[in-house]
Amino acid sequence: MVFVNDYDNRKTIDDETGAYLVYEGGINYPGMERFSFHWNGVKMEFEAHEDTEYDENNKKIKIHWKFFQIDIPHDMQNQRNEIANMIKQALEAHGYIYDTDEYKSITAEFIPPQNKK
């Protein structure tokens, strides 16, 4: 599985699986972005928070995405971990759309909902 950016269509695509990530736009909260992940004909929407690290010259050097609340259909819940892993890889690849020369690392993690006791 290798996700690459399709700059013309603003998508991050894995040709092997046919899965792709679409940037849907920002929301009215700093650092929050809306995305949709498409796989097997299903569109799954989610939001991601972008944490950015700067160097001593105030230049961005790292991006860390935190994503959660993936809208996964009921019949695909058993594939939740696989979907989260694909989204993680797609977000990391998507991060390089900003400036490949600027960032030292781009990472992502899924924040699962916590069970209330």
PDB file of N, CA and C in Angstrom:
ATOM      1  N   MET A   1       0.842  -1.167   0.000  1.00  0.00           N
ATOM      2  CA  MET A   1       0.000   0.000   0.000  1.00  0.00           C
ATOM      3  C   MET A   1       0.896   1.243   0.000  1.00  0.00           C
ATOM      4  N   VAL A   2       0.718   2.061  -1.038  1.00  0.00           N
ATOM      5  CA  VAL A   2       1.506   3.292  -1.150  1.00  0.00           C
ATOM      6  C   VAL A   2       0.572   4.416  -1.595  1.00  0.00           C
ATOM      7  N   PHE A   3       0.386   5.381  -0.732  1.00  0.00           N
ATOM      8  CA  PHE A   3      -0.438   6.536  -1.071  1.00  0.00           C
ATOM      9  C   PHE A   3       0.443   7.621  -1.663  1.00  0.00           C
ATOM     10  N   VAL A   4      -0.038   8.238  -2.735  1.00  0.00           N
ATOM     11  CA  VAL A   4       0.674   9.349  -3.368  1.00  0.00           C
ATOM     12  C   VAL A   4      -0.315  10.471  -3.630  1.00  0.00           C
ATOM     13  N   ASN A   5       0.174  11.692  -3.676  1.00  0.00           N
ATOM     14  CA  ASN A   5      -0.666  12.859  -3.908  1.00  0.00           C
ATOM     15  C   ASN A   5      -0.916  13.063  -5.396  1.00  0.00           C
ATOM     16  N   ASP A   6      -2.176  13.242  -5.745  1.00  0.00           N
ATOM     17  CA  ASP A   6      -2.599  13.627  -7.082  1.00  0.00           C
ATOM     18  C   ASP A   6      -2.947  15.109  -6.991  1.00  0.00           C
ATOM     19  N   TYR A   7      -1.977  15.949  -7.303  1.00  0.00           N
ATOM     20  CA  TYR A   7      -2.124  17.386  -7.098  1.00  0.00           C
ATOM     21  C   TYR A   7      -3.256  17.988  -7.918  1.00  0.00           C
ATOM     22  N   ASP A   8      -3.473  17.485  -9.134  1.00  0.00           N
ATOM     23  CA  ASP A   8      -4.522  18.043  -9.989  1.00  0.00           C
ATOM     24  C   ASP A   8      -5.913  17.819  -9.412  1.00  0.00           C
ATOM     25  N   ASN A   9      -6.134  16.654  -8.818  1.00  0.00           N
ATOM     26  CA  ASN A   9      -7.453  16.320  -8.291  1.00  0.00           C
ATOM     27  C   ASN A   9      -7.562  16.488  -6.777  1.00  0.00           C
ATOM     28  N   ARG A  10      -6.496  16.992  -6.132  1.00  0.00           N
ATOM     29  CA  ARG A  10      -6.478  17.240  -4.680  1.00  0.00           C
ATOM     30  C   ARG A  10      -6.835  15.992  -3.886  1.00  0.00           C
ATOM     31  N   LYS A  11      -6.308  14.857  -4.334  1.00  0.00           N
ATOM     32  CA  LYS A  11      -6.546  13.585  -3.662  1.00  0.00           C
ATOM     33  C   LYS A  11      -5.213  12.946  -3.312  1.00  0.00           C
ATOM     34  N   THR A  12      -5.256  12.070  -2.332  1.00  0.00           N
ATOM     35  CA  THR A  12      -4.117  11.221  -1.993  1.00  0.00           C
ATOM     36  C   THR A  12      -4.598   9.800  -2.235  1.00  0.00           C
ATOM     37  N   ILE A  13      -3.979   9.112  -3.186  1.00  0.00           N
ATOM     38  CA  ILE A  13      -4.519   7.873  -3.738  1.00  0.00           C
ATOM     39  C   ILE A  13      -3.559   6.700  -3.557  1.00  0.00           C
ATOM     40  N   ASP A  14      -4.130   5.514  -3.281  1.00  0.00           N
ATOM     41  CA  ASP A  14      -3.389   4.259  -3.331  1.00  0.00           C
ATOM     42  C   ASP A  14      -3.942   3.471  -4.514  1.00  0.00           C
ATOM     43  N   ASP A  15      -3.186   3.402  -5.599  1.00  0.00           N
ATOM     44  CA  ASP A  15      -3.655   2.730  -6.808  1.00  0.00           C
ATOM     45  C   ASP A  15      -3.891   1.239  -6.588  1.00  0.00           C
ATOM     46  N   GLU A  16      -3.134   0.628  -5.689  1.00  0.00           N
ATOM     47  CA  GLU A  16      -3.255  -0.814  -5.440  1.00  0.00           C
ATOM     48  C   GLU A  16      -4.631  -1.176  -4.869  1.00  0.00           C
ATOM     49  N   THR A  17      -5.103  -0.422  -3.893  1.00  0.00           N
ATOM     50  CA  THR A  17      -6.379  -0.737  -3.248  1.00  0.00           C
ATOM     51  C   THR A  17      -7.544   0.082  -3.789  1.00  0.00           C
ATOM     52  N   GLY A  18      -7.248   1.155  -4.519  1.00  0.00           N
ATOM     53  CA  GLY A  18      -8.288   2.049  -5.001  1.00  0.00           C
ATOM     54  C   GLY A  18      -8.779   3.014  -3.932  1.00  0.00           C
ATOM     55  N   ALA A  19      -8.166   2.988  -2.758  1.00  0.00           N
ATOM     56  CA  ALA A  19      -8.551   3.886  -1.659  1.00  0.00           C
ATOM     57  C   ALA A  19      -7.975   5.269  -1.927  1.00  0.00           C
ATOM     58  N   TYR A  20      -8.708   6.303  -1.480  1.00  0.00           N
ATOM     59  CA  TYR A  20      -8.172   7.655  -1.612  1.00  0.00           C
ATOM     60  C   TYR A  20      -8.737   8.581  -0.544  1.00  0.00           C
ATOM     61  N   LEU A  21      -7.944   9.590  -0.234  1.00  0.00           N
ATOM     62  CA  LEU A  21      -8.253  10.607   0.760  1.00  0.00           C
ATOM     63  C   LEU A  21      -8.534  11.916   0.035  1.00  0.00           C
ATOM     64  N   VAL A  22      -9.566  12.638   0.478  1.00  0.00           N
ATOM     65  CA  VAL A  22      -9.904  13.929  -0.111  1.00  0.00           C
ATOM     66  C   VAL A  22      -9.905  14.976   1.003  1.00  0.00           C
ATOM     67  N   TYR A  23      -9.189  16.063   0.775  1.00  0.00           N
ATOM     68  CA  TYR A  23      -9.227  17.190   1.703  1.00  0.00           C
ATOM     69  C   TYR A  23     -10.507  17.956   1.436  1.00  0.00           C
ATOM     70  N   GLU A  24     -11.383  18.051   2.445  1.00  0.00           N
ATOM     71  CA  GLU A  24     -12.679  18.695   2.284  1.00  0.00           C
ATOM     72  C   GLU A  24     -12.674  20.155   2.727  1.00  0.00           C
ATOM     73  N   GLY A  25     -11.658  20.567   3.479  1.00  0.00           N
ATOM     74  CA  GLY A  25     -11.562  21.959   3.896  1.00  0.00           C
ATOM     75  C   GLY A  25     -11.429  22.115   5.393  1.00  0.00           C
ATOM     76  N   GLY A  26     -11.122  23.319   5.797  1.00  0.00           N
ATOM     77  CA  GLY A  26     -10.962  23.614   7.210  1.00  0.00           C
ATOM     78  C   GLY A  26     -12.299  23.877   7.880  1.00  0.00           C
ATOM     79  N   ILE A  27     -12.265  23.880   9.198  1.00  0.00           N
ATOM     80  CA  ILE A  27     -13.445  24.243   9.963  1.00  0.00           C
ATOM     81  C   ILE A  27     -13.077  25.426  10.844  1.00  0.00           C
ATOM     82  N   ASN A  28     -14.032  25.982  11.521  1.00  0.00           N
ATOM     83  CA  ASN A  28     -13.800  27.186  12.328  1.00  0.00           C
ATOM     84  C   ASN A  28     -13.166  26.879  13.673  1.00  0.00           C
ATOM     85  N   TYR A  29     -12.111  26.104  13.647  1.00  0.00           N
ATOM     86  CA  TYR A  29     -11.357  25.784  14.847  1.00  0.00           C
ATOM     87  C   TYR A  29      -9.907  25.634  14.418  1.00  0.00           C
ATOM     88  N   PRO A  30      -8.990  26.372  15.022  1.00  0.00           N
ATOM     89  CA  PRO A  30      -7.585  26.348  14.574  1.00  0.00           C
ATOM     90  C   PRO A  30      -7.001  24.936  14.542  1.00  0.00           C
ATOM     91  N   GLY A  31      -6.390  24.604  13.419  1.00  0.00           N
ATOM     92  CA  GLY A  31      -5.708  23.328  13.270  1.00  0.00           C
ATOM     93  C   GLY A  31      -6.600  22.164  12.890  1.00  0.00           C
ATOM     94  N   MET A  32      -7.917  22.362  12.839  1.00  0.00           N
ATOM     95  CA  MET A  32      -8.827  21.271  12.486  1.00  0.00           C
ATOM     96  C   MET A  32      -9.134  21.314  10.990  1.00  0.00           C
ATOM     97  N   GLU A  33      -9.094  20.143  10.379  1.00  0.00           N
ATOM     98  CA  GLU A  33      -9.368  20.009   8.953  1.00  0.00           C
ATOM     99  C   GLU A  33     -10.372  18.878   8.737  1.00  0.00           C
ATOM    100  N   ARG A  34     -11.191  19.003   7.697  1.00  0.00           N
ATOM    101  CA  ARG A  34     -12.148  17.959   7.352  1.00  0.00           C
ATOM    102  C   ARG A  34     -11.623  17.157   6.159  1.00  0.00           C
ATOM    103  N   PHE A  35     -11.807  15.835   6.232  1.00  0.00           N
ATOM    104  CA  PHE A  35     -11.386  14.930   5.169  1.00  0.00           C
ATOM    105  C   PHE A  35     -12.486  13.915   4.911  1.00  0.00           C
ATOM    106  N   SER A  36     -12.396  13.252   3.769  1.00  0.00           N
ATOM    107  CA  SER A  36     -13.196  12.057   3.537  1.00  0.00           C
ATOM    108  C   SER A  36     -12.248  10.993   3.003  1.00  0.00           C
ATOM    109  N   PHE A  37     -12.509   9.754   3.408  1.00  0.00           N
ATOM    110  CA  PHE A  37     -11.720   8.607   2.960  1.00  0.00           C
ATOM    111  C   PHE A  37     -12.652   7.708   2.181  1.00  0.00           C
ATOM    112  N   HIS A  38     -12.238   7.327   0.984  1.00  0.00           N
ATOM    113  CA  HIS A  38     -13.075   6.540   0.080  1.00  0.00           C
ATOM    114  C   HIS A  38     -12.418   5.183  -0.156  1.00  0.00           C
ATOM    115  N   TRP A  39     -13.206   4.124   0.074  1.00  0.00           N
ATOM    116  CA  TRP A  39     -12.679   2.767  -0.114  1.00  0.00           C
ATOM    117  C   TRP A  39     -13.845   1.832  -0.379  1.00  0.00           C
ATOM    118  N   ASN A  40     -13.692   0.969  -1.349  1.00  0.00           N
ATOM    119  CA  ASN A  40     -14.731   0.004  -1.725  1.00  0.00           C
ATOM    120  C   ASN A  40     -16.079   0.677  -1.958  1.00  0.00           C
ATOM    121  N   GLY A  41     -16.057   1.845  -2.584  1.00  0.00           N
ATOM    122  CA  GLY A  41     -17.282   2.550  -2.916  1.00  0.00           C
ATOM    123  C   GLY A  41     -17.960   3.259  -1.755  1.00  0.00           C
ATOM    124  N   VAL A  42     -17.283   3.341  -0.615  1.00  0.00           N
ATOM    125  CA  VAL A  42     -17.869   3.960   0.581  1.00  0.00           C
ATOM    126  C   VAL A  42     -17.086   5.223   0.937  1.00  0.00           C
ATOM    127  N   LYS A  43     -17.814   6.292   1.217  1.00  0.00           N
ATOM    128  CA  LYS A  43     -17.213   7.562   1.658  1.00  0.00           C
ATOM    129  C   LYS A  43     -17.325   7.630   3.181  1.00  0.00           C
ATOM    130  N   MET A  44     -16.188   7.805   3.858  1.00  0.00           N
ATOM    131  CA  MET A  44     -16.141   7.897   5.319  1.00  0.00           C
ATOM    132  C   MET A  44     -15.550   9.248   5.693  1.00  0.00           C
ATOM    133  N   GLU A  45     -16.311  10.064   6.394  1.00  0.00           N
ATOM    134  CA  GLU A  45     -15.866  11.405   6.744  1.00  0.00           C
ATOM    135  C   GLU A  45     -15.261  11.426   8.142  1.00  0.00           C
ATOM    136  N   PHE A  46     -14.313  12.350   8.345  1.00  0.00           N
ATOM    137  CA  PHE A  46     -13.688  12.521   9.657  1.00  0.00           C
ATOM    138  C   PHE A  46     -13.006  13.868   9.712  1.00  0.00           C
ATOM    139  N   GLU A  47     -12.604  14.240  10.908  1.00  0.00           N
ATOM    140  CA  GLU A  47     -11.835  15.460  11.119  1.00  0.00           C
ATOM    141  C   GLU A  47     -10.469  15.077  11.668  1.00  0.00           C
ATOM    142  N   ALA A  48      -9.503  15.917  11.395  1.00  0.00           N
ATOM    143  CA  ALA A  48      -8.147  15.679  11.892  1.00  0.00           C
ATOM    144  C   ALA A  48      -7.583  16.992  12.424  1.00  0.00           C
ATOM    145  N   HIS A  49      -6.825  16.885  13.508  1.00  0.00           N
ATOM    146  CA  HIS A  49      -6.164  18.039  14.081  1.00  0.00           C
ATOM    147  C   HIS A  49      -4.697  17.986  13.682  1.00  0.00           C
ATOM    148  N   GLU A  50      -4.202  19.103  13.191  1.00  0.00           N
ATOM    149  CA  GLU A  50      -2.817  19.187  12.747  1.00  0.00           C
ATOM    150  C   GLU A  50      -1.983  19.880  13.816  1.00  0.00           C
ATOM    151  N   ASP A  51      -1.074  19.125  14.444  1.00  0.00           N
ATOM    152  CA  ASP A  51      -0.096  19.703  15.371  1.00  0.00           C
ATOM    153  C   ASP A  51       1.169  19.956  14.572  1.00  0.00           C
ATOM    154  N   THR A  52       1.668  21.173  14.633  1.00  0.00           N
ATOM    155  CA  THR A  52       2.845  21.543  13.861  1.00  0.00           C
ATOM    156  C   THR A  52       3.970  21.946  14.801  1.00  0.00           C
ATOM    157  N   GLU A  53       5.168  21.472  14.501  1.00  0.00           N
ATOM    158  CA  GLU A  53       6.353  21.837  15.284  1.00  0.00           C
ATOM    159  C   GLU A  53       7.213  22.771  14.444  1.00  0.00           C
ATOM    160  N   TYR A  54       7.794  23.770  15.110  1.00  0.00           N
ATOM    161  CA  TYR A  54       8.611  24.771  14.430  1.00  0.00           C
ATOM    162  C   TYR A  54      10.053  24.707  14.924  1.00  0.00           C
ATOM    163  N   ASP A  55      10.984  25.142  14.075  1.00  0.00           N
ATOM    164  CA  ASP A  55      12.374  25.230  14.517  1.00  0.00           C
ATOM    165  C   ASP A  55      12.632  26.607  15.125  1.00  0.00           C
ATOM    166  N   GLU A  56      13.877  26.897  15.439  1.00  0.00           N
ATOM    167  CA  GLU A  56      14.222  28.157  16.104  1.00  0.00           C
ATOM    168  C   GLU A  56      13.983  29.383  15.209  1.00  0.00           C
ATOM    169  N   ASN A  57      13.847  29.169  13.906  1.00  0.00           N
ATOM    170  CA  ASN A  57      13.570  30.275  12.971  1.00  0.00           C
ATOM    171  C   ASN A  57      12.080  30.387  12.636  1.00  0.00           C
ATOM    172  N   ASN A  58      11.260  29.707  13.441  1.00  0.00           N
ATOM    173  CA  ASN A  58       9.806  29.695  13.263  1.00  0.00           C
ATOM    174  C   ASN A  58       9.386  29.078  11.919  1.00  0.00           C
ATOM    175  N   LYS A  59      10.188  28.131  11.462  1.00  0.00           N
ATOM    176  CA  LYS A  59       9.894  27.407  10.232  1.00  0.00           C
ATOM    177  C   LYS A  59       9.273  26.064  10.603  1.00  0.00           C
ATOM    178  N   LYS A  60       8.183  25.695   9.934  1.00  0.00           N
ATOM    179  CA  LYS A  60       7.537  24.405  10.213  1.00  0.00           C
ATOM    180  C   LYS A  60       8.495  23.272   9.854  1.00  0.00           C
ATOM    181  N   ILE A  61       8.664  22.314  10.784  1.00  0.00           N
ATOM    182  CA  ILE A  61       9.538  21.184  10.481  1.00  0.00           C
ATOM    183  C   ILE A  61       8.854  19.828  10.656  1.00  0.00           C
ATOM    184  N   LYS A  62       7.755  19.776  11.427  1.00  0.00           N
ATOM    185  CA  LYS A  62       7.057  18.506  11.643  1.00  0.00           C
ATOM    186  C   LYS A  62       5.551  18.729  11.674  1.00  0.00           C
ATOM    187  N   ILE A  63       4.827  17.766  11.146  1.00  0.00           N
ATOM    188  CA  ILE A  63       3.363  17.753  11.242  1.00  0.00           C
ATOM    189  C   ILE A  63       2.973  16.440  11.895  1.00  0.00           C
ATOM    190  N   HIS A  64       2.058  16.507  12.849  1.00  0.00           N
ATOM    191  CA  HIS A  64       1.490  15.298  13.435  1.00  0.00           C
ATOM    192  C   HIS A  64      -0.029  15.429  13.385  1.00  0.00           C
ATOM    193  N   TRP A  65      -0.667  14.530  12.635  1.00  0.00           N
ATOM    194  CA  TRP A  65      -2.121  14.507  12.521  1.00  0.00           C
ATOM    195  C   TRP A  65      -2.711  13.628  13.607  1.00  0.00           C
ATOM    196  N   LYS A  66      -3.787  14.079  14.229  1.00  0.00           N
ATOM    197  CA  LYS A  66      -4.572  13.263  15.158  1.00  0.00           C
ATOM    198  C   LYS A  66      -5.982  13.195  14.568  1.00  0.00           C
ATOM    199  N   PHE A  67      -6.433  11.980  14.260  1.00  0.00           N
ATOM    200  CA  PHE A  67      -7.754  11.855  13.665  1.00  0.00           C
ATOM    201  C   PHE A  67      -8.626  10.930  14.498  1.00  0.00           C
ATOM    202  N   PHE A  68      -9.927  11.155  14.417  1.00  0.00           N
ATOM    203  CA  PHE A  68     -10.871  10.452  15.284  1.00  0.00           C
ATOM    204  C   PHE A  68     -12.260  10.521  14.669  1.00  0.00           C
ATOM    205  N   GLN A  69     -13.214   9.857  15.280  1.00  0.00           N
ATOM    206  CA  GLN A  69     -14.619   9.889  14.856  1.00  0.00           C
ATOM    207  C   GLN A  69     -14.789   9.620  13.368  1.00  0.00           C
ATOM    208  N   ILE A  70     -14.246   8.512  12.896  1.00  0.00           N
ATOM    209  CA  ILE A  70     -14.410   8.129  11.499  1.00  0.00           C
ATOM    210  C   ILE A  70     -15.830   7.607  11.310  1.00  0.00           C
ATOM    211  N   ASP A  71     -16.508   8.103  10.310  1.00  0.00           N
ATOM    212  CA  ASP A  71     -17.876   7.692  10.013  1.00  0.00           C
ATOM    213  C   ASP A  71     -17.834   6.391   9.196  1.00  0.00           C
ATOM    214  N   ILE A  72     -17.648   5.247   9.891  1.00  0.00           N
ATOM    215  CA  ILE A  72     -17.553   3.938   9.241  1.00  0.00           C
ATOM    216  C   ILE A  72     -18.923   3.263   9.284  1.00  0.00           C
ATOM    217  N   PRO A  73     -19.421   2.788   8.123  1.00  0.00           N
ATOM    218  CA  PRO A  73     -20.712   2.101   8.121  1.00  0.00           C
ATOM    219  C   PRO A  73     -20.707   0.869   9.030  1.00  0.00           C
ATOM    220  N   HIS A  74     -21.870   0.538   9.523  1.00  0.00           N
ATOM    221  CA  HIS A  74     -22.025  -0.586  10.461  1.00  0.00           C
ATOM    222  C   HIS A  74     -21.441  -1.887   9.898  1.00  0.00           C
ATOM    223  N   ASP A  75     -21.694  -2.160   8.623  1.00  0.00           N
ATOM    224  CA  ASP A  75     -21.237  -3.423   8.040  1.00  0.00           C
ATOM    225  C   ASP A  75     -19.725  -3.469   7.794  1.00  0.00           C
ATOM    226  N   MET A  76     -19.008  -2.356   8.044  1.00  0.00           N
ATOM    227  CA  MET A  76     -17.554  -2.325   7.876  1.00  0.00           C
ATOM    228  C   MET A  76     -16.829  -2.169   9.214  1.00  0.00           C
ATOM    229  N   GLN A  77     -17.554  -2.215  10.334  1.00  0.00           N
ATOM    230  CA  GLN A  77     -16.939  -2.014  11.647  1.00  0.00           C
ATOM    231  C   GLN A  77     -15.851  -3.045  11.946  1.00  0.00           C
ATOM    232  N   ASN A  78     -15.971  -4.259  11.417  1.00  0.00           N
ATOM    233  CA  ASN A  78     -14.937  -5.273  11.663  1.00  0.00           C
ATOM    234  C   ASN A  78     -13.630  -4.940  10.935  1.00  0.00           C
ATOM    235  N   GLN A  79     -13.654  -3.960  10.037  1.00  0.00           N
ATOM    236  CA  GLN A  79     -12.455  -3.525   9.318  1.00  0.00           C
ATOM    237  C   GLN A  79     -11.947  -2.185   9.850  1.00  0.00           C
ATOM    238  N   ARG A  80     -12.427  -1.770  11.006  1.00  0.00           N
ATOM    239  CA  ARG A  80     -12.095  -0.462  11.577  1.00  0.00           C
ATOM    240  C   ARG A  80     -10.583  -0.243  11.697  1.00  0.00           C
ATOM    241  N   ASN A  81      -9.854  -1.229  12.201  1.00  0.00           N
ATOM    242  CA  ASN A  81      -8.402  -1.074  12.365  1.00  0.00           C
ATOM    243  C   ASN A  81      -7.705  -0.950  11.015  1.00  0.00           C
ATOM    244  N   GLU A  82      -8.134  -1.729  10.038  1.00  0.00           N
ATOM    245  CA  GLU A  82      -7.553  -1.657   8.696  1.00  0.00           C
ATOM    246  C   GLU A  82      -7.818  -0.288   8.073  1.00  0.00           C
ATOM    247  N   ILE A  83      -9.046   0.204   8.234  1.00  0.00           N
ATOM    248  CA  ILE A  83      -9.404   1.518   7.695  1.00  0.00           C
ATOM    249  C   ILE A  83      -8.595   2.614   8.382  1.00  0.00           C
ATOM    250  N   ALA A  84      -8.484   2.548   9.713  1.00  0.00           N
ATOM    251  CA  ALA A  84      -7.704   3.547  10.455  1.00  0.00           C
ATOM    252  C   ALA A  84      -6.249   3.526  10.006  1.00  0.00           C
ATOM    253  N   ASN A  85      -5.686   2.348   9.747  1.00  0.00           N
ATOM    254  CA  ASN A  85      -4.298   2.242   9.295  1.00  0.00           C
ATOM    255  C   ASN A  85      -4.131   2.854   7.900  1.00  0.00           C
ATOM    256  N   MET A  86      -5.098   2.614   7.015  1.00  0.00           N
ATOM    257  CA  MET A  86      -5.020   3.206   5.676  1.00  0.00           C
ATOM    258  C   MET A  86      -5.126   4.729   5.752  1.00  0.00           C
ATOM    259  N   ILE A  87      -6.028   5.226   6.601  1.00  0.00           N
ATOM    260  CA  ILE A  87      -6.169   6.681   6.756  1.00  0.00           C
ATOM    261  C   ILE A  87      -4.876   7.280   7.306  1.00  0.00           C
ATOM    262  N   LYS A  88      -4.263   6.584   8.270  1.00  0.00           N
ATOM    263  CA  LYS A  88      -2.994   7.044   8.842  1.00  0.00           C
ATOM    264  C   LYS A  88      -1.945   7.208   7.732  1.00  0.00           C
ATOM    265  N   GLN A  89      -1.811   6.192   6.899  1.00  0.00           N
ATOM    266  CA  GLN A  89      -0.834   6.256   5.806  1.00  0.00           C
ATOM    267  C   GLN A  89      -1.181   7.359   4.803  1.00  0.00           C
ATOM    268  N   ALA A  90      -2.479   7.510   4.517  1.00  0.00           N
ATOM    269  CA  ALA A  90      -2.898   8.542   3.565  1.00  0.00           C
ATOM    270  C   ALA A  90      -2.633   9.942   4.111  1.00  0.00           C
ATOM    271  N   LEU A  91      -2.905  10.164   5.412  1.00  0.00           N
ATOM    272  CA  LEU A  91      -2.641  11.480   6.012  1.00  0.00           C
ATOM    273  C   LEU A  91      -1.154  11.812   6.001  1.00  0.00           C
ATOM    274  N   GLU A  92      -0.315  10.812   6.282  1.00  0.00           N
ATOM    275  CA  GLU A  92       1.127  11.052   6.254  1.00  0.00           C
ATOM    276  C   GLU A  92       1.578  11.442   4.854  1.00  0.00           C
ATOM    277  N   ALA A  93       1.064  10.767   3.837  1.00  0.00           N
ATOM    278  CA  ALA A  93       1.405  11.114   2.454  1.00  0.00           C
ATOM    279  C   ALA A  93       0.820  12.479   2.089  1.00  0.00           C
ATOM    280  N   HIS A  94      -0.400  12.742   2.511  1.00  0.00           N
ATOM    281  CA  HIS A  94      -1.056  14.016   2.223  1.00  0.00           C
ATOM    282  C   HIS A  94      -0.264  15.195   2.784  1.00  0.00           C
ATOM    283  N   GLY A  95       0.347  15.023   3.939  1.00  0.00           N
ATOM    284  CA  GLY A  95       1.113  16.097   4.563  1.00  0.00           C
ATOM    285  C   GLY A  95       2.195  16.650   3.678  1.00  0.00           C
ATOM    286  N   TYR A  96       2.708  15.837   2.781  1.00  0.00           N
ATOM    287  CA  TYR A  96       3.777  16.294   1.899  1.00  0.00           C
ATOM    288  C   TYR A  96       3.269  17.176   0.768  1.00  0.00           C
ATOM    289  N   ILE A  97       1.954  17.349   0.673  1.00  0.00           N
ATOM    290  CA  ILE A  97       1.392  18.244  -0.337  1.00  0.00           C
ATOM    291  C   ILE A  97       1.779  19.693  -0.034  1.00  0.00           C
ATOM    292  N   TYR A  98       2.090  19.973   1.230  1.00  0.00           N
ATOM    293  CA  TYR A  98       2.399  21.345   1.627  1.00  0.00           C
ATOM    294  C   TYR A  98       3.757  21.792   1.104  1.00  0.00           C
ATOM    295  N   ASP A  99       4.802  21.065   1.402  1.00  0.00           N
ATOM    296  CA  ASP A  99       6.135  21.409   0.912  1.00  0.00           C
ATOM    297  C   ASP A  99       7.084  20.283   1.292  1.00  0.00           C
ATOM    298  N   THR A 100       7.435  19.465   0.332  1.00  0.00           N
ATOM    299  CA  THR A 100       8.260  18.290   0.618  1.00  0.00           C
ATOM    300  C   THR A 100       9.655  18.647   1.116  1.00  0.00           C
ATOM    301  N   ASP A 101      10.153  19.818   0.781  1.00  0.00           N
ATOM    302  CA  ASP A 101      11.489  20.199   1.225  1.00  0.00           C
ATOM    303  C   ASP A 101      11.505  20.748   2.648  1.00  0.00           C
ATOM    304  N   GLU A 102      10.349  21.144   3.140  1.00  0.00           N
ATOM    305  CA  GLU A 102      10.274  21.852   4.408  1.00  0.00           C
ATOM    306  C   GLU A 102      10.188  20.935   5.628  1.00  0.00           C
ATOM    307  N   TYR A 103       9.523  19.817   5.498  1.00  0.00           N
ATOM    308  CA  TYR A 103       9.222  18.991   6.675  1.00  0.00           C
ATOM    309  C   TYR A 103      10.201  17.845   6.856  1.00  0.00           C
ATOM    310  N   LYS A 104      10.621  17.644   8.096  1.00  0.00           N
ATOM    311  CA  LYS A 104      11.503  16.526   8.431  1.00  0.00           C
ATOM    312  C   LYS A 104      10.692  15.262   8.653  1.00  0.00           C
ATOM    313  N   SER A 105       9.468  15.418   9.200  1.00  0.00           N
ATOM    314  CA  SER A 105       8.620  14.241   9.389  1.00  0.00           C
ATOM    315  C   SER A 105       7.157  14.634   9.402  1.00  0.00           C
ATOM    316  N   ILE A 106       6.343  13.710   8.927  1.00  0.00           N
ATOM    317  CA  ILE A 106       4.895  13.859   8.965  1.00  0.00           C
ATOM    318  C   ILE A 106       4.345  12.541   9.467  1.00  0.00           C
ATOM    319  N   THR A 107       3.609  12.594  10.578  1.00  0.00           N
ATOM    320  CA  THR A 107       3.080  11.394  11.201  1.00  0.00           C
ATOM    321  C   THR A 107       1.586  11.564  11.467  1.00  0.00           C
ATOM    322  N   ALA A 108       0.935  10.451  11.771  1.00  0.00           N
ATOM    323  CA  ALA A 108      -0.496  10.491  12.068  1.00  0.00           C
ATOM    324  C   ALA A 108      -0.828   9.389  13.061  1.00  0.00           C
ATOM    325  N   GLU A 109      -1.868   9.629  13.853  1.00  0.00           N
ATOM    326  CA  GLU A 109      -2.341   8.603  14.780  1.00  0.00           C
ATOM    327  C   GLU A 109      -3.854   8.674  14.906  1.00  0.00           C
ATOM    328  N   PHE A 110      -4.456   7.504  15.101  1.00  0.00           N
ATOM    329  CA  PHE A 110      -5.891   7.422  15.315  1.00  0.00           C
ATOM    330  C   PHE A 110      -6.148   7.472  16.813  1.00  0.00           C
ATOM    331  N   ILE A 111      -7.048   8.353  17.224  1.00  0.00           N
ATOM    332  CA  ILE A 111      -7.423   8.473  18.633  1.00  0.00           C
ATOM    333  C   ILE A 111      -8.786   7.799  18.783  1.00  0.00           C
ATOM    334  N   PRO A 112      -8.811   6.559  19.254  1.00  0.00           N
ATOM    335  CA  PRO A 112     -10.110   5.865  19.378  1.00  0.00           C
ATOM    336  C   PRO A 112     -10.931   6.440  20.520  1.00  0.00           C
ATOM    337  N   PRO A 113     -12.253   6.300  20.436  1.00  0.00           N
ATOM    338  CA  PRO A 113     -13.090   6.776  21.538  1.00  0.00           C
ATOM    339  C   PRO A 113     -12.792   6.001  22.814  1.00  0.00           C
ATOM    340  N   GLN A 114     -12.874   6.687  23.922  1.00  0.00           N
ATOM    341  CA  GLN A 114     -12.619   6.052  25.212  1.00  0.00           C
ATOM    342  C   GLN A 114     -13.922   5.471  25.764  1.00  0.00           C
ATOM    343  N   ASN A 115     -13.834   4.275  26.323  1.00  0.00           N
ATOM    344  CA  ASN A 115     -15.000   3.675  26.964  1.00  0.00           C
ATOM    345  C   ASN A 115     -15.232   4.346  28.312  1.00  0.00           C
ATOM    346  N   LYS A 116     -16.456   4.765  28.545  1.00  0.00           N
ATOM    347  CA  LYS A 116     -16.774   5.396  29.823  1.00  0.00           C
ATOM    348  C   LYS A 116     -17.092   4.306  30.847  1.00  0.00           C
ATOM    349  N   LYS A 117     -16.597   4.519  32.062  1.00  0.00           N
ATOM    350  CA  LYS A 117     -16.836   3.532  33.125  1.00  0.00           C
ATOM    351  C   LYS A 117     -17.979   3.949  33.987  1.00  0.00           C
TER     352      LYS A 117
END
